[in-house]
Protein backbone atom coordinates (compact mmCIF):
# COMPACT_ATOMS: atom_id res chain seq x y z
CA UNK A 1 -35.83 3.38 -73.91
CA UNK A 2 -33.44 2.03 -71.31
CA UNK A 3 -34.65 -0.52 -68.82
CA UNK A 4 -35.16 0.64 -65.25
CA UNK A 5 -34.00 -2.47 -63.47
CA UNK A 6 -30.58 -0.99 -62.79
CA UNK A 7 -31.51 2.52 -61.64
CA UNK A 8 -30.82 1.75 -57.98
CA UNK A 9 -29.35 5.07 -56.87
CA UNK A 10 -31.78 7.30 -58.74
CA UNK A 11 -34.78 5.41 -57.35
CA UNK A 12 -33.62 5.80 -53.76
CA UNK A 13 -32.65 9.47 -54.07
CA UNK A 14 -35.88 10.55 -55.68
CA UNK A 15 -38.05 8.56 -53.31
CA UNK A 16 -36.29 9.87 -50.20
CA UNK A 17 -37.05 13.40 -51.39
CA UNK A 18 -40.70 12.71 -52.03
CA UNK A 19 -41.88 10.96 -48.86
CA UNK A 20 -45.52 11.78 -48.31
CA UNK A 21 -47.60 10.24 -45.53
CA UNK A 22 -51.34 10.05 -45.09
CA UNK A 23 -53.91 8.46 -42.80
CA UNK A 24 -56.76 6.41 -44.22
CA UNK A 25 -59.12 3.81 -42.78
CA UNK A 26 -57.29 3.90 -39.47
CA UNK A 27 -54.07 2.67 -41.10
CA UNK A 28 -50.94 4.75 -41.70
CA UNK A 29 -49.49 4.83 -45.17
CA UNK A 30 -46.24 6.37 -46.40
CA UNK A 31 -46.80 6.19 -50.15
CA UNK A 32 -43.38 7.27 -51.38
CA UNK A 33 -41.70 5.06 -48.82
CA UNK A 34 -42.99 2.20 -50.95
CA UNK A 35 -41.23 3.81 -53.91
CA UNK A 36 -38.07 4.16 -51.85
CA UNK A 37 -38.11 0.48 -50.97
CA UNK A 38 -39.56 -0.80 -54.23
CA UNK A 39 -36.17 -1.59 -55.70
CA UNK A 40 -35.29 -3.63 -52.60
CA UNK A 41 -38.15 -6.00 -53.34
CA UNK A 42 -36.20 -7.35 -56.31
CA UNK A 43 -33.23 -8.31 -54.19
CA UNK A 44 -34.87 -9.60 -51.03
CA UNK A 45 -36.92 -12.75 -51.11
CA UNK A 46 -39.75 -14.16 -49.03
CA UNK A 47 -37.28 -16.76 -47.70
CA UNK A 48 -35.13 -14.11 -46.03
CA UNK A 49 -34.96 -13.71 -42.23
CA UNK A 50 -37.56 -11.36 -40.84
CA UNK A 51 -40.04 -11.79 -43.67
CA UNK A 52 -43.59 -12.65 -42.71
CA UNK A 53 -43.76 -14.87 -45.78
CA UNK A 54 -40.70 -16.96 -44.99
CA UNK A 55 -42.45 -20.21 -44.17
CA UNK A 56 -44.97 -19.98 -46.98
CA UNK A 57 -42.19 -19.48 -49.49
CA UNK A 58 -40.57 -22.81 -48.63
CA UNK A 59 -43.47 -24.80 -49.97
CA UNK A 60 -45.13 -24.91 -53.35
CA UNK A 61 -43.16 -22.05 -54.89
CA UNK A 62 -42.96 -22.65 -58.64
CA UNK A 63 -40.41 -20.98 -60.88
CA UNK A 64 -41.79 -17.77 -62.42
CA UNK A 65 -38.68 -16.70 -64.35
CA UNK A 66 -35.74 -18.80 -65.47
CA UNK A 67 -32.77 -17.49 -67.43
CA UNK A 68 -30.30 -20.25 -68.22
CA UNK A 69 -29.38 -21.78 -64.85
CA UNK A 70 -30.69 -18.84 -62.81
CA UNK A 71 -34.23 -19.12 -61.47
CA UNK A 72 -36.58 -16.78 -59.63
CA UNK A 73 -39.56 -18.23 -57.74
CA UNK A 74 -43.10 -16.96 -58.02
CA UNK A 75 -43.01 -15.63 -54.45
CA UNK A 76 -40.06 -13.36 -55.26
CA UNK A 77 -41.71 -11.99 -58.39
CA UNK A 78 -44.94 -11.46 -56.43
CA UNK A 79 -42.94 -9.70 -53.74
CA UNK A 80 -41.59 -7.37 -56.43
CA UNK A 81 -45.10 -6.60 -57.70
CA UNK A 82 -46.71 -5.96 -54.31
CA UNK A 83 -45.24 -2.45 -53.76
CA UNK A 84 -47.00 -1.20 -56.90
CA UNK A 85 -50.29 -2.30 -55.33
CA UNK A 86 -49.36 -0.66 -52.04
CA UNK A 87 -48.53 2.63 -53.76
CA UNK A 88 -51.82 2.63 -55.66
CA UNK A 89 -53.74 1.85 -52.48
CA UNK A 90 -51.94 4.60 -50.55
CA UNK A 91 -52.82 7.08 -53.31
CA UNK A 92 -56.43 5.84 -53.28
CA UNK A 93 -56.13 4.82 -56.93
CA UNK A 94 -57.15 1.65 -58.73
CA UNK A 95 -54.82 -0.13 -61.12
CA UNK A 96 -56.29 -0.58 -64.57
CA UNK A 97 -55.75 -3.71 -66.62
CA UNK A 98 -53.29 -1.75 -68.74
CA UNK A 99 -51.42 -0.71 -65.57
CA UNK A 100 -51.21 -4.32 -64.45
CA UNK A 101 -49.91 -5.53 -67.81
CA UNK A 102 -47.29 -2.77 -67.85
CA UNK A 103 -46.19 -3.69 -64.32
CA UNK A 104 -45.91 -7.36 -65.25
CA UNK A 105 -43.96 -6.55 -68.42
CA UNK A 106 -41.57 -4.22 -66.57
CA UNK A 107 -41.10 -6.74 -63.77
CA UNK A 108 -40.38 -9.72 -65.99
CA UNK A 109 -37.95 -7.69 -68.13
CA UNK A 110 -36.15 -6.62 -64.97
CA UNK A 111 -35.77 -10.20 -63.79
CA UNK A 112 -34.62 -11.37 -67.21
CA UNK A 113 -32.01 -8.59 -67.30
CA UNK A 114 -30.73 -9.50 -63.85
CA UNK A 115 -30.72 -13.18 -64.80
CA UNK A 116 -28.67 -12.57 -67.93
CA UNK A 117 -26.15 -10.55 -65.90
CA UNK A 118 -25.85 -13.26 -63.26
CA UNK A 119 -25.26 -15.90 -65.92
CA UNK A 120 -22.53 -13.83 -67.54
CA UNK A 121 -20.86 -13.19 -64.19
CA UNK A 122 -20.97 -16.89 -63.32
CA UNK A 123 -19.31 -17.69 -66.60
CA UNK A 124 -16.61 -15.11 -65.86
CA UNK A 125 -16.14 -16.32 -62.27
CA UNK A 126 -17.20 -12.89 -60.97
CA UNK A 127 -20.55 -13.66 -59.35
CA UNK A 128 -19.44 -14.65 -55.85
CA UNK A 129 -18.05 -12.59 -52.96
CA UNK A 130 -15.22 -13.29 -50.55
CA UNK A 131 -15.93 -13.22 -46.82
CA UNK A 132 -13.99 -9.96 -46.48
CA UNK A 133 -16.10 -8.40 -49.22
CA UNK A 134 -19.26 -9.63 -47.51
CA UNK A 135 -18.17 -8.10 -44.20
CA UNK A 136 -17.79 -4.71 -45.87
CA UNK A 137 -21.16 -5.02 -47.58
CA UNK A 138 -22.90 -6.10 -44.37
CA UNK A 139 -21.53 -3.08 -42.50
CA UNK A 140 -22.71 -0.75 -45.25
CA UNK A 141 -26.14 -2.46 -45.35
CA UNK A 142 -26.51 -1.91 -41.60
CA UNK A 143 -25.62 1.76 -42.01
CA UNK A 144 -28.06 2.28 -44.88
CA UNK A 145 -30.84 0.45 -43.07
CA UNK A 146 -30.41 2.64 -39.99
CA UNK A 147 -30.26 5.81 -42.09
CA UNK A 148 -33.41 4.86 -43.99
CA UNK A 149 -35.21 3.80 -40.80
CA UNK A 150 -34.44 7.17 -39.21
CA UNK A 151 -35.62 9.05 -42.30
CA UNK A 152 -38.88 7.12 -42.50
CA UNK A 153 -39.47 7.58 -38.79
CA UNK A 154 -38.91 11.34 -38.96
CA UNK A 155 -41.13 11.78 -41.99
CA UNK A 156 -43.87 9.58 -40.54
CA UNK A 157 -43.81 11.57 -37.29
CA UNK A 158 -44.35 14.77 -39.26
CA UNK A 159 -47.75 13.46 -40.32
CA UNK A 160 -48.67 11.16 -37.43
CA UNK A 161 -46.81 12.23 -34.30
CA UNK A 162 -48.16 9.32 -32.26
CA UNK A 163 -46.49 6.69 -34.45
CA UNK A 164 -43.95 4.64 -32.50
CA UNK A 165 -40.52 3.24 -33.27
CA UNK A 166 -41.93 -0.26 -32.84
CA UNK A 167 -44.57 0.41 -35.51
CA UNK A 168 -41.97 1.55 -38.04
CA UNK A 169 -39.76 -1.46 -37.33
CA UNK A 170 -42.72 -3.85 -37.48
CA UNK A 171 -43.94 -2.36 -40.74
CA UNK A 172 -40.53 -2.67 -42.38
CA UNK A 173 -40.02 -6.18 -41.05
CA UNK A 174 -43.49 -7.33 -42.09
CA UNK A 175 -42.80 -6.08 -45.60
CA UNK A 176 -39.45 -7.87 -45.64
CA UNK A 177 -37.39 -4.68 -45.79
CA UNK A 178 -34.60 -5.74 -43.48
CA UNK A 179 -30.85 -5.26 -43.35
CA UNK A 180 -30.69 -8.33 -45.58
CA UNK A 181 -32.74 -6.43 -48.17
CA UNK A 182 -30.21 -3.63 -48.20
CA UNK A 183 -27.43 -6.21 -48.39
CA UNK A 184 -29.03 -7.76 -51.47
CA UNK A 185 -29.26 -4.33 -53.09
CA UNK A 186 -25.59 -3.67 -52.41
CA UNK A 187 -24.64 -7.08 -53.81
CA UNK A 188 -26.69 -6.39 -56.93
CA UNK A 189 -25.08 -2.97 -57.30
CA UNK A 190 -21.62 -4.53 -56.96
CA UNK A 191 -22.49 -7.15 -59.58
CA UNK A 192 -23.65 -4.36 -61.86
CA UNK A 193 -20.28 -2.63 -61.41
CA UNK A 194 -18.50 -5.88 -62.23
CA UNK A 195 -20.50 -6.43 -65.41
CA UNK A 196 -19.82 -2.84 -66.47
CA UNK A 197 -16.11 -3.29 -65.82
CA UNK A 198 -16.10 -6.50 -67.83
CA UNK A 199 -18.03 -5.38 -70.89
CA UNK A 200 -18.44 -1.57 -70.86
CA UNK A 201 -15.09 -0.23 -69.64
CA UNK A 202 -14.30 1.00 -73.16
CA UNK A 203 -17.17 3.49 -73.09
CA UNK A 204 -16.04 7.12 -72.99
CA UNK A 205 -17.94 10.39 -73.18
CA UNK A 206 -17.14 13.67 -74.89
CA UNK A 207 -18.28 17.10 -73.72
CA UNK A 208 -20.97 16.93 -76.41
CA UNK A 209 -22.16 13.58 -75.03
CA UNK A 210 -22.39 15.04 -71.53
CA UNK A 211 -24.34 18.07 -72.74
CA UNK A 212 -26.73 15.94 -74.78
CA UNK A 213 -27.31 13.70 -71.77
CA UNK A 214 -27.88 16.73 -69.54
CA UNK A 215 -30.39 18.31 -71.92
CA UNK A 216 -32.31 15.12 -72.62
CA UNK A 217 -32.41 13.68 -69.10
CA UNK A 218 -32.57 16.79 -66.91
CA UNK A 219 -32.97 20.20 -68.50
CA UNK A 220 -35.71 19.59 -71.07
CA UNK A 221 -37.89 17.43 -68.76
CA UNK A 222 -37.72 20.15 -66.10
CA UNK A 223 -38.45 22.85 -68.66
CA UNK A 224 -41.52 20.93 -69.83
CA UNK A 225 -42.74 20.50 -66.25
CA UNK A 226 -42.14 23.97 -64.87
CA UNK A 227 -42.06 26.49 -67.71
CA UNK A 228 -45.77 27.24 -67.44
CA UNK A 229 -46.48 25.79 -63.99
CA UNK A 230 -45.07 27.96 -61.21
CA UNK A 231 -47.21 26.31 -58.48
CA UNK A 232 -45.78 22.90 -59.38
CA UNK A 233 -42.25 24.28 -59.35
CA UNK A 234 -42.77 25.76 -55.91
CA UNK A 235 -44.40 22.64 -54.50
CA UNK A 236 -41.76 20.24 -55.81
CA UNK A 237 -38.62 22.38 -55.66
CA UNK A 238 -39.01 25.24 -53.20
CA UNK A 239 -41.08 23.26 -50.69
CA UNK A 240 -40.35 19.65 -51.57
CA UNK A 241 -36.61 20.10 -52.00
CA UNK A 242 -36.24 18.49 -55.44
CA UNK A 243 -33.23 19.59 -57.44
CA UNK A 244 -34.50 21.26 -60.61
CA UNK A 245 -32.40 22.40 -63.56
CA UNK A 246 -34.90 24.89 -64.95
CA UNK A 247 -36.34 27.97 -63.23
CA UNK A 248 -39.57 29.52 -64.55
CA UNK A 249 -39.18 33.04 -65.91
CA UNK A 250 -40.64 35.94 -63.95
CA UNK A 251 -39.23 35.53 -60.46
CA UNK A 252 -38.02 38.58 -58.60
CA UNK A 253 -35.89 38.94 -55.49
CA UNK A 254 -37.58 40.67 -52.59
CA UNK A 255 -36.55 41.71 -49.09
CA UNK A 256 -38.99 42.00 -46.24
CA UNK A 257 -39.29 44.73 -43.66
CA UNK A 258 -41.19 43.12 -40.79
CA UNK A 259 -42.33 45.73 -38.31
CA UNK A 260 -43.63 44.78 -34.87
CA UNK A 261 -47.17 45.75 -33.93
CA UNK A 262 -47.35 48.62 -31.44
CA UNK A 263 -47.89 47.30 -27.92
CA UNK A 264 -51.52 48.37 -27.65
CA UNK A 265 -52.41 46.63 -30.92
CA UNK A 266 -50.33 43.58 -29.98
CA UNK A 267 -52.22 43.22 -26.69
CA UNK A 268 -55.63 43.45 -28.36
CA UNK A 269 -54.61 40.93 -31.03
CA UNK A 270 -53.40 38.55 -28.28
CA UNK A 271 -56.78 38.83 -26.57
CA UNK A 272 -58.57 38.00 -29.85
CA UNK A 273 -56.24 35.01 -30.37
CA UNK A 274 -57.00 33.69 -26.90
CA UNK A 275 -60.72 33.96 -27.54
CA UNK A 276 -60.17 32.47 -30.99
CA UNK A 277 -58.64 29.31 -29.61
CA UNK A 278 -61.79 28.65 -27.59
CA UNK A 279 -64.07 29.40 -30.53
CA UNK A 280 -62.08 27.16 -32.90
CA UNK A 281 -62.07 24.36 -30.33
CA UNK A 282 -65.86 24.61 -30.02
CA UNK A 283 -66.23 24.50 -33.81
CA UNK A 284 -64.00 21.43 -33.97
CA UNK A 285 -66.11 19.62 -31.40
CA UNK A 286 -69.26 20.49 -33.34
CA UNK A 287 -67.67 19.17 -36.52
CA UNK A 288 -66.64 15.93 -34.82
CA UNK A 289 -70.21 15.35 -33.64
CA UNK A 290 -71.48 16.03 -37.15
CA UNK A 291 -68.97 13.62 -38.69
CA UNK A 292 -69.77 10.87 -36.19
CA UNK A 293 -73.49 11.25 -36.82
CA UNK A 294 -72.96 11.17 -40.59
CA UNK A 295 -70.91 7.97 -40.28
CA UNK A 296 -73.68 6.41 -38.18
CA UNK A 297 -76.38 7.43 -40.66
CA UNK A 298 -78.17 9.66 -38.15
CA UNK A 299 -80.25 12.80 -38.74
CA UNK A 300 -77.90 15.74 -39.36
CA UNK A 301 -80.09 18.85 -39.58
CA UNK A 302 -79.65 20.12 -36.02
CA UNK A 303 -76.00 19.14 -35.81
CA UNK A 304 -75.29 20.84 -39.15
CA UNK A 305 -76.99 24.02 -37.92
CA UNK A 306 -74.96 23.94 -34.71
CA UNK A 307 -71.73 23.51 -36.65
CA UNK A 308 -72.62 26.32 -39.05
CA UNK A 309 -73.23 28.63 -36.09
CA UNK A 310 -69.83 27.80 -34.58
CA UNK A 311 -68.18 28.32 -37.96
CA UNK A 312 -69.80 31.72 -38.29
CA UNK A 313 -68.31 32.66 -34.91
CA UNK A 314 -64.85 31.59 -36.14
CA UNK A 315 -65.20 33.66 -39.33
CA UNK A 316 -66.43 36.68 -37.41
CA UNK A 317 -63.50 36.51 -35.02
CA UNK A 318 -61.07 36.16 -37.90
CA UNK A 319 -62.56 39.26 -39.50
CA UNK A 320 -62.24 41.10 -36.19
CA UNK A 321 -58.56 40.13 -36.06
CA UNK A 322 -57.97 41.42 -39.60
CA UNK A 323 -59.60 44.73 -38.81
CA UNK A 324 -57.59 45.13 -35.62
CA UNK A 325 -54.34 44.52 -37.53
CA UNK A 326 -55.08 47.57 -39.65
CA UNK A 327 -55.19 49.74 -36.52
CA UNK A 328 -51.40 49.45 -36.49
CA UNK A 329 -50.95 51.27 -39.80
CA UNK A 330 -51.58 54.87 -38.63
CA UNK A 331 -49.47 54.19 -35.53
CA UNK A 332 -46.55 53.08 -37.73
CA UNK A 333 -47.03 55.76 -40.40
CA UNK A 334 -44.06 57.84 -39.26
CA UNK A 335 -41.75 54.82 -39.19
CA UNK A 336 -42.83 53.76 -42.68
CA UNK A 337 -42.39 57.30 -43.99
CA UNK A 338 -38.91 57.46 -42.48
CA UNK A 339 -37.89 54.21 -44.20
CA UNK A 340 -39.09 55.57 -47.55
CA UNK A 341 -37.28 58.89 -47.07
CA UNK A 342 -34.00 57.21 -46.15
CA UNK A 343 -34.22 54.87 -49.15
CA UNK A 344 -34.77 57.87 -51.40
CA UNK A 345 -31.77 59.59 -49.78
CA UNK A 346 -29.52 56.69 -50.70
CA UNK A 347 -29.30 54.82 -47.39
CA UNK A 348 -28.65 51.16 -48.23
CA UNK A 349 -31.42 48.62 -47.92
CA UNK A 350 -29.13 46.47 -45.74
CA UNK A 351 -28.66 49.30 -43.24
CA UNK A 352 -32.40 49.95 -43.04
CA UNK A 353 -33.29 46.27 -42.70
CA UNK A 354 -30.78 45.88 -39.87
CA UNK A 355 -32.31 48.87 -38.07
CA UNK A 356 -36.03 48.37 -38.59
CA UNK A 357 -36.88 44.78 -39.52
CA UNK A 358 -37.60 41.88 -37.19
CA UNK A 359 -36.92 39.57 -40.17
CA UNK A 360 -33.14 39.39 -40.66
CA UNK A 361 -33.08 36.29 -42.89
CA UNK A 362 -32.47 38.23 -46.10
CA UNK A 363 -30.21 40.87 -44.56
CA UNK A 364 -26.73 41.05 -46.05
CA UNK A 365 -25.21 41.97 -49.38
CA UNK A 366 -24.45 38.31 -50.03
CA UNK A 367 -28.17 37.45 -49.99
CA UNK A 368 -30.11 38.51 -53.10
CA UNK A 369 -33.47 38.08 -51.35
CA UNK A 370 -36.43 35.74 -51.20
CA UNK A 371 -38.01 34.56 -54.46
CA UNK A 372 -41.43 35.86 -55.44
CA UNK A 373 -43.55 35.20 -58.53
CA UNK A 374 -46.87 36.72 -59.56
CA UNK A 375 -48.25 33.19 -60.11
CA UNK A 376 -46.97 31.93 -56.77
CA UNK A 377 -49.28 30.06 -54.40
CA UNK A 378 -46.90 30.48 -51.45
CA UNK A 379 -47.85 34.09 -50.70
CA UNK A 380 -51.17 35.39 -49.33
CA UNK A 381 -53.46 37.46 -51.49
CA UNK A 382 -52.61 40.63 -49.54
CA UNK A 383 -48.92 40.16 -50.32
CA UNK A 384 -49.60 39.68 -54.02
CA UNK A 385 -51.62 42.87 -54.17
CA UNK A 386 -48.88 45.10 -52.74
CA UNK A 387 -45.88 43.34 -54.33
CA UNK A 388 -47.34 43.27 -57.84
CA UNK A 389 -48.02 46.99 -57.59
CA UNK A 390 -44.27 47.70 -57.32
CA UNK A 391 -42.98 47.73 -60.89
CA UNK A 392 -39.48 49.20 -60.50
CA UNK A 393 -36.41 47.62 -58.93
CA UNK A 394 -35.63 49.52 -55.75
CA UNK A 395 -39.28 50.22 -55.04
CA UNK A 396 -40.96 49.65 -51.67
CA UNK A 397 -44.49 48.28 -51.40
CA UNK A 398 -47.43 49.54 -49.44
CA UNK A 399 -47.76 47.78 -46.06
CA UNK A 400 -49.77 44.63 -45.46
CA UNK A 401 -50.51 42.86 -42.18
CA UNK A 402 -50.53 39.29 -40.94
CA UNK A 403 -50.01 37.46 -37.65
CA UNK A 404 -46.28 38.19 -37.70
CA UNK A 405 -46.61 41.95 -37.98
CA UNK A 406 -46.64 44.65 -40.65
CA UNK A 407 -44.73 43.98 -43.87
CA UNK A 408 -43.08 46.28 -46.38
CA UNK A 409 -41.64 44.47 -49.40
CA UNK A 410 -38.56 45.82 -51.18
CA UNK A 411 -38.08 44.91 -54.86
CA UNK A 412 -34.40 43.93 -54.82
CA UNK A 413 -34.01 42.69 -58.38
CA UNK A 414 -35.03 40.17 -61.03
CA UNK A 415 -34.06 36.54 -60.59
CA UNK A 416 -32.57 34.78 -63.63
CA UNK A 417 -34.94 32.31 -65.24
CA UNK A 418 -34.43 29.43 -67.61
CA UNK A 419 -31.55 26.99 -67.33
CA UNK A 420 -30.01 26.99 -63.87
CA UNK A 421 -26.23 27.38 -63.66
CA UNK A 422 -24.49 24.24 -62.43
CA UNK A 423 -21.94 24.30 -59.63
CA UNK A 424 -18.48 22.81 -60.18
CA UNK A 425 -19.46 19.78 -58.08
CA UNK A 426 -22.60 19.29 -60.18
CA UNK A 427 -20.58 19.51 -63.39
CA UNK A 428 -18.21 16.81 -62.15
CA UNK A 429 -21.11 14.63 -61.02
CA UNK A 430 -22.83 15.19 -64.35
CA UNK A 431 -19.87 13.80 -66.27
CA UNK A 432 -19.77 10.69 -64.08
CA UNK A 433 -23.53 10.30 -64.39
CA UNK A 434 -23.34 10.62 -68.17
CA UNK A 435 -20.61 7.98 -68.36
CA UNK A 436 -22.73 5.63 -66.24
CA UNK A 437 -25.76 6.32 -68.43
CA UNK A 438 -23.96 5.50 -71.67
CA UNK A 439 -22.40 2.41 -70.09
CA UNK A 440 -25.90 1.23 -69.18
CA UNK A 441 -27.04 2.04 -72.70
CA UNK A 442 -24.35 -0.27 -74.07
CA UNK A 443 -25.11 -2.89 -71.41
CA UNK A 444 -28.77 -2.95 -72.39
CA UNK A 445 -27.79 -3.47 -76.00
CA UNK A 446 -25.49 -6.32 -74.94
CA UNK A 447 -28.22 -7.90 -72.82
CA UNK A 448 -30.57 -7.80 -75.80
CA UNK A 449 -27.97 -9.78 -77.74
CA UNK A 450 -27.10 -12.15 -74.88
CA UNK A 451 -30.71 -13.14 -74.28
CA UNK A 452 -30.60 -15.54 -77.21
CA UNK A 453 -27.73 -17.41 -75.52
CA UNK A 454 -30.01 -18.63 -72.73
CA UNK A 455 -33.21 -20.56 -72.48
CA UNK A 456 -35.71 -18.09 -70.99
CA UNK A 457 -38.88 -19.29 -69.32
CA UNK A 458 -41.58 -17.09 -67.74
CA UNK A 459 -44.87 -17.99 -66.12
CA UNK A 460 -46.61 -15.14 -64.30
CA UNK A 461 -50.04 -16.75 -64.25
CA UNK A 462 -49.83 -17.00 -60.47
CA UNK A 463 -49.22 -13.27 -59.93
CA UNK A 464 -52.14 -11.41 -58.34
CA UNK A 465 -52.95 -7.75 -57.72
CA UNK A 466 -55.03 -8.07 -54.58
CA UNK A 467 -55.44 -4.69 -52.88
C-alpha cells in the first residue's frame, strides 16, 4: 500500500466535495473542512504567524521525529494529529485505542517520508527556493486561501446562515490555517515535484498500465460501493456531486409533464398553505417548550399532550391538502387524455412537453431525461407507484400530485449502467494521473531503501488525543 503523505491534490479535491456542517453543543462544526485542511497541518507549524499556539511552541518543544539532520518538534506532530480528533468530535464518534495507534503510525510514517525527501533534496542542492520562486508561491497561496475561505463560508452559511465572516476567519486563524499554511503546502508540493524529477523521471506508462490503474483505483472501488446501493450512489454522486466511474444498473430516463392546478384548486390549496403555516408555527412553539422542559428536568406530561395535539392538527391539515390536490384530476382529465391521444398519434414528446408542461428542464432532443431508479430515495412514494407501473419505453404514467402541480411521467428510455464512459479530457487526465501514481510508487520504494541512510529517531510519548 502506498503512503498517503503525498496525496495533496486528492485530499483537497475530495474534501471540498464533501463539506458537511452541523451544529452541536452551541458550537459550529464543519467536519469535512477538517479533512480539507488536514494535509495543511503537516506543513504549517505552531510557530507560524497567526497561530494561537505560537508562543507556547517556542518553549519546551522537544523533537518528536528526526530524520538525519531534519527535525520535527512535538508541537508540529501534535498539530498534525489534532484534526483527526476534531473530525471524530464533529461526527460525534470516539477514537478507539486502535484508531489512535493507526493515526500515530500514519503520522510518523508521513513525517519520516517527508524528512527523507528533504534530506535528499538538501544533498542535491534542490531544497531551497529563490526569492522569485517564493513570490510566485506566495501569490498562489493567497489565491488558494481566498478560494478556500470563500468555499468554507458558503458551505457553512448553507447550514448556519447566521455565521459571520469574522467567525470563519477566526476559526481558520485559531487553527493555524493561514496563507502561510497554504504556502507550506505549495512548497512541499514543489519539493515533491523536484524529487520526482530527480529520481523518477524515467517512469513511463503503457496503455495497459493506465487501464490497470483506472480499474484498481477508480472503477472497481466505485463498483463495490454502488453496485447494490442505489441510495448511496444518489446521495454521494447525484446530490453530493462526487465523480463516480460506475453507474448502478436499472436506471431509466424519464421526462416530466408538470401541469398547473386549475385556478379554483390552486386558490383552495393556497388557503390551506396559509393556515398550515400558522399550525406548523404553533406546533414548533409547543415542541420548543417541551424540549426546554426536558432539558430542565421538569414534568412533561401536559406539555407532551399539548405538543401531540398540535402535531395532530398539522397531520390533519396535510391530509386535507393531499385530498384537495386530487380534486384537480377530474378537471384536468381532458388535457391528460389529449396528451395520451397525441402521443399515440405520433406527435413527438418534445412538442407535447413544450406545449403542456411547466417543467421545461428536460425538453429538447439533446436531453435524454432525468434519471429514475426503482430503488431511489429521491422520489416520493406516489411517484414510485406510477412510474414503476409503466413497463414499456414510450409509455406515460398515471398522474400524481404534489405541491408543484400534477405530474405525468414519460418513460423516455433506459440509461446505460456499469462502467461510465470517460470524456476525452478525463482520458488525458487519467494518463497523467497514472504516471504520477506509478512515480509515487517508485518513490515510496526508494524512500524505503533510503531510510537506512539516515539516523531516524521518534518519540511520540507526548502526543495526546484530548477531545
